[in-house]
Protein backbone atom coordinates (compact mmCIF):
# COMPACT_ATOMS: atom_id res chain seq x y z
CA MET A 1 0.00 0.00 0.00
CA ILE A 2 1.40 3.41 -0.96
CA ILE A 3 0.93 5.62 2.09
CA SER A 4 3.02 8.75 1.59
CA ASP A 5 2.39 12.03 -0.14
CA ALA A 6 4.32 10.68 -3.09
CA ASP A 7 2.58 10.77 -6.44
CA ARG A 8 0.40 7.66 -6.31
CA SER A 9 0.28 7.57 -10.10
CA ASP A 10 4.06 7.24 -10.31
CA ARG A 11 4.70 4.12 -12.42
CA PHE A 12 7.73 3.02 -10.38
CA LEU A 13 5.79 3.22 -7.09
CA LEU A 14 2.84 1.34 -8.58
CA GLN A 15 5.12 -1.43 -9.85
CA LEU A 16 6.98 -1.49 -6.53
CA ASP A 17 3.71 -1.76 -4.63
CA GLU A 18 2.49 -4.60 -6.86
CA PHE A 19 5.77 -6.51 -6.47
CA CYS A 20 5.74 -6.05 -2.68
CA GLY A 21 2.20 -7.43 -2.56
CA ARG A 22 3.32 -10.49 -4.50
CA PHE A 23 6.37 -10.85 -2.23
CA VAL A 24 4.25 -10.75 0.96
CA ALA A 25 1.81 -13.30 -0.51
CA ALA A 26 4.68 -15.63 -1.43
CA ALA A 27 6.41 -15.14 1.95
CA SER A 28 3.11 -16.04 3.64
CA HIS A 29 2.73 -19.29 1.68
CA SER A 30 2.29 -22.36 3.89
CA ASP A 31 5.12 -24.22 2.12
CA LEU A 32 7.63 -21.81 3.64
CA GLN A 33 6.70 -22.93 7.16
CA ALA A 34 8.69 -26.11 6.54
CA LEU A 35 11.91 -24.10 6.28
CA ASP A 36 14.15 -23.92 9.35
CA SER A 37 13.30 -21.03 11.72
CA VAL A 38 10.55 -19.53 9.53
CA ARG A 39 7.64 -18.05 11.45
CA PRO A 40 4.25 -17.14 10.02
CA MET A 41 4.37 -13.75 8.27
CA PRO A 42 4.48 -11.00 9.30
CA HIS A 43 5.14 -11.38 13.05
CA GLY A 44 8.81 -11.58 13.90
CA MET A 45 9.83 -11.83 10.25
CA CYS A 46 10.88 -8.24 9.52
CA THR A 47 14.62 -9.02 9.32
CA TRP A 48 14.13 -12.07 7.13
CA ALA A 49 11.61 -10.28 4.89
CA SER A 50 13.86 -7.24 4.58
CA PHE A 51 16.96 -9.22 3.59
CA ALA A 52 15.07 -11.48 1.18
CA GLY A 53 12.84 -8.71 -0.13
CA GLY A 54 15.70 -6.30 -0.69
CA GLU A 55 17.63 -8.82 -2.72
CA LEU A 56 14.58 -9.88 -4.74
CA LEU A 57 13.73 -6.22 -5.39
CA THR A 58 17.25 -5.75 -6.76
CA GLU A 59 17.00 -8.89 -8.89
CA HIS A 60 13.67 -7.68 -10.33
CA GLY A 61 15.01 -4.28 -11.36
CA PHE A 62 14.00 -2.08 -8.41
CA GLY A 63 17.54 -1.02 -7.52
CA THR A 64 19.70 -1.57 -4.45
CA TRP A 65 18.16 -1.42 -0.95
CA THR A 66 19.50 -0.99 2.57
CA ILE A 67 17.95 -2.39 5.75
CA TRP A 68 17.23 0.10 8.54
CA ASN A 69 17.32 -1.68 11.88
CA ALA A 70 15.25 0.37 14.33
CA THR A 71 15.63 -0.11 18.06
CA HIS A 72 13.80 0.70 21.25
CA ALA A 73 15.23 3.47 23.45
CA ASP A 74 17.09 0.83 25.46
CA GLY A 75 18.87 -0.34 22.29
CA HIS A 76 17.06 -3.65 21.84
CA PRO A 77 16.24 -4.47 18.21
CA ALA A 78 12.62 -3.81 17.34
CA HIS A 79 11.83 -3.60 13.62
CA ASP A 80 13.49 -3.59 10.19
CA TRP A 81 12.49 -2.10 6.86
CA LEU A 82 14.10 -1.19 3.55
CA VAL A 83 15.26 2.20 2.31
CA GLN A 84 16.52 3.46 -1.02
CA ASN A 85 17.32 7.16 -1.27
CA GLU A 86 14.05 8.86 -0.22
CA LEU A 87 11.89 5.71 -0.50
CA PHE A 88 11.01 3.15 2.15
CA VAL A 89 9.45 -0.32 1.91
CA ASP A 90 8.11 -2.03 5.03
CA LEU A 91 7.18 -5.58 4.08
CA THR A 92 5.88 -6.49 7.55
CA ALA A 93 4.13 -3.28 8.64
CA HIS A 94 0.89 -5.23 8.94
CA GLN A 95 2.11 -6.81 12.17
CA PHE A 96 1.38 -3.45 13.84
CA ASP A 97 -1.99 -1.94 14.75
CA GLY A 98 -3.28 0.42 12.09
CA TYR A 99 -1.72 -1.36 9.11
CA THR A 100 -3.37 -4.03 7.01
CA SER A 101 -0.58 -4.69 4.51
CA HIS A 102 2.98 -3.82 3.58
CA ILE A 103 3.62 -0.10 3.18
CA ILE A 104 5.79 1.92 0.80
CA GLY A 105 6.32 5.61 0.37
CA ALA A 106 8.62 8.58 0.13
CA GLY A 107 10.19 10.10 3.21
CA GLU A 108 10.31 8.47 6.61
CA ASN A 109 8.49 5.27 7.47
CA PRO A 110 5.69 6.33 9.88
CA LEU A 111 6.60 3.35 12.06
CA ALA A 112 9.93 5.05 12.80
CA LYS A 113 8.10 7.13 15.42
CA ARG A 114 7.56 3.95 17.47
CA PHE A 115 11.29 3.25 17.56
CA PRO A 116 13.28 6.25 18.73
CA ARG A 117 16.64 5.37 17.30
CA TYR A 118 18.37 3.32 14.65
CA GLN A 119 20.94 0.75 15.62
CA LEU A 120 22.49 0.27 12.20
CA SER A 121 21.88 -0.05 8.51
CA LEU A 122 22.90 -3.06 6.46
CA ARG A 123 23.19 -3.72 2.76
CA THR A 124 20.80 -6.50 1.81
CA SER A 125 23.71 -8.29 0.12
CA LYS A 126 24.82 -9.26 3.66
CA ILE A 127 22.17 -11.98 3.29
CA VAL A 128 25.00 -14.33 2.25
CA ASP A 129 26.07 -14.38 5.91
CA ARG A 130 22.68 -15.86 6.88
CA PRO A 131 22.11 -19.24 5.14
CA PRO A 132 18.56 -19.83 6.52
CA ILE A 133 17.49 -16.46 5.11
CA VAL A 134 19.11 -17.34 1.78
CA ALA A 135 16.91 -20.46 1.69
CA PHE A 136 13.86 -18.32 2.58
CA LYS A 137 14.69 -15.90 -0.26
CA GLY A 138 15.14 -18.80 -2.70
CA ALA A 139 11.77 -20.30 -1.78
CA ILE A 140 10.04 -16.95 -2.19
CA GLY A 141 11.81 -16.36 -5.49
CA ALA A 142 10.63 -19.74 -6.76
CA LEU A 143 7.04 -18.96 -5.74
CA LEU A 144 7.24 -15.57 -7.47
CA GLU A 145 8.49 -17.20 -10.66
CA THR A 146 5.75 -19.83 -10.53
CA ALA A 147 3.11 -17.12 -10.09
CA VAL A 148 4.37 -15.26 -13.18
CA GLN A 149 4.20 -18.28 -15.48
């Protein structure tokens, strides 16, 4: 769902929104529950979805993405989402009250207000350091390819 003041007729945003919807549907598929450490989407899956989603977005022509890792005031990790220049993509926003789907937009993710500081940002290519997430990404990619055919 496009939620910002960005031009909602912008072709790139519309294509990004459509792809993110397909990603969330694939990531929610029951077959993925058989993978090691996978939880039902979206709860507790923001890191996995961000790594896998960022890499699949790149592979499907949406450019390079970085993960923002937001923390609570005490420094404990809380939520992750993707950023690219002035855009954000939150593939698991619907785990929070007030959101019914993923969200994308220009500017700051409105969920940033719930998490007062950022711990770090990571390039999604760091997924190679996390083999279970690589398997998750591969399974989602296969489901996306099957859906296109």
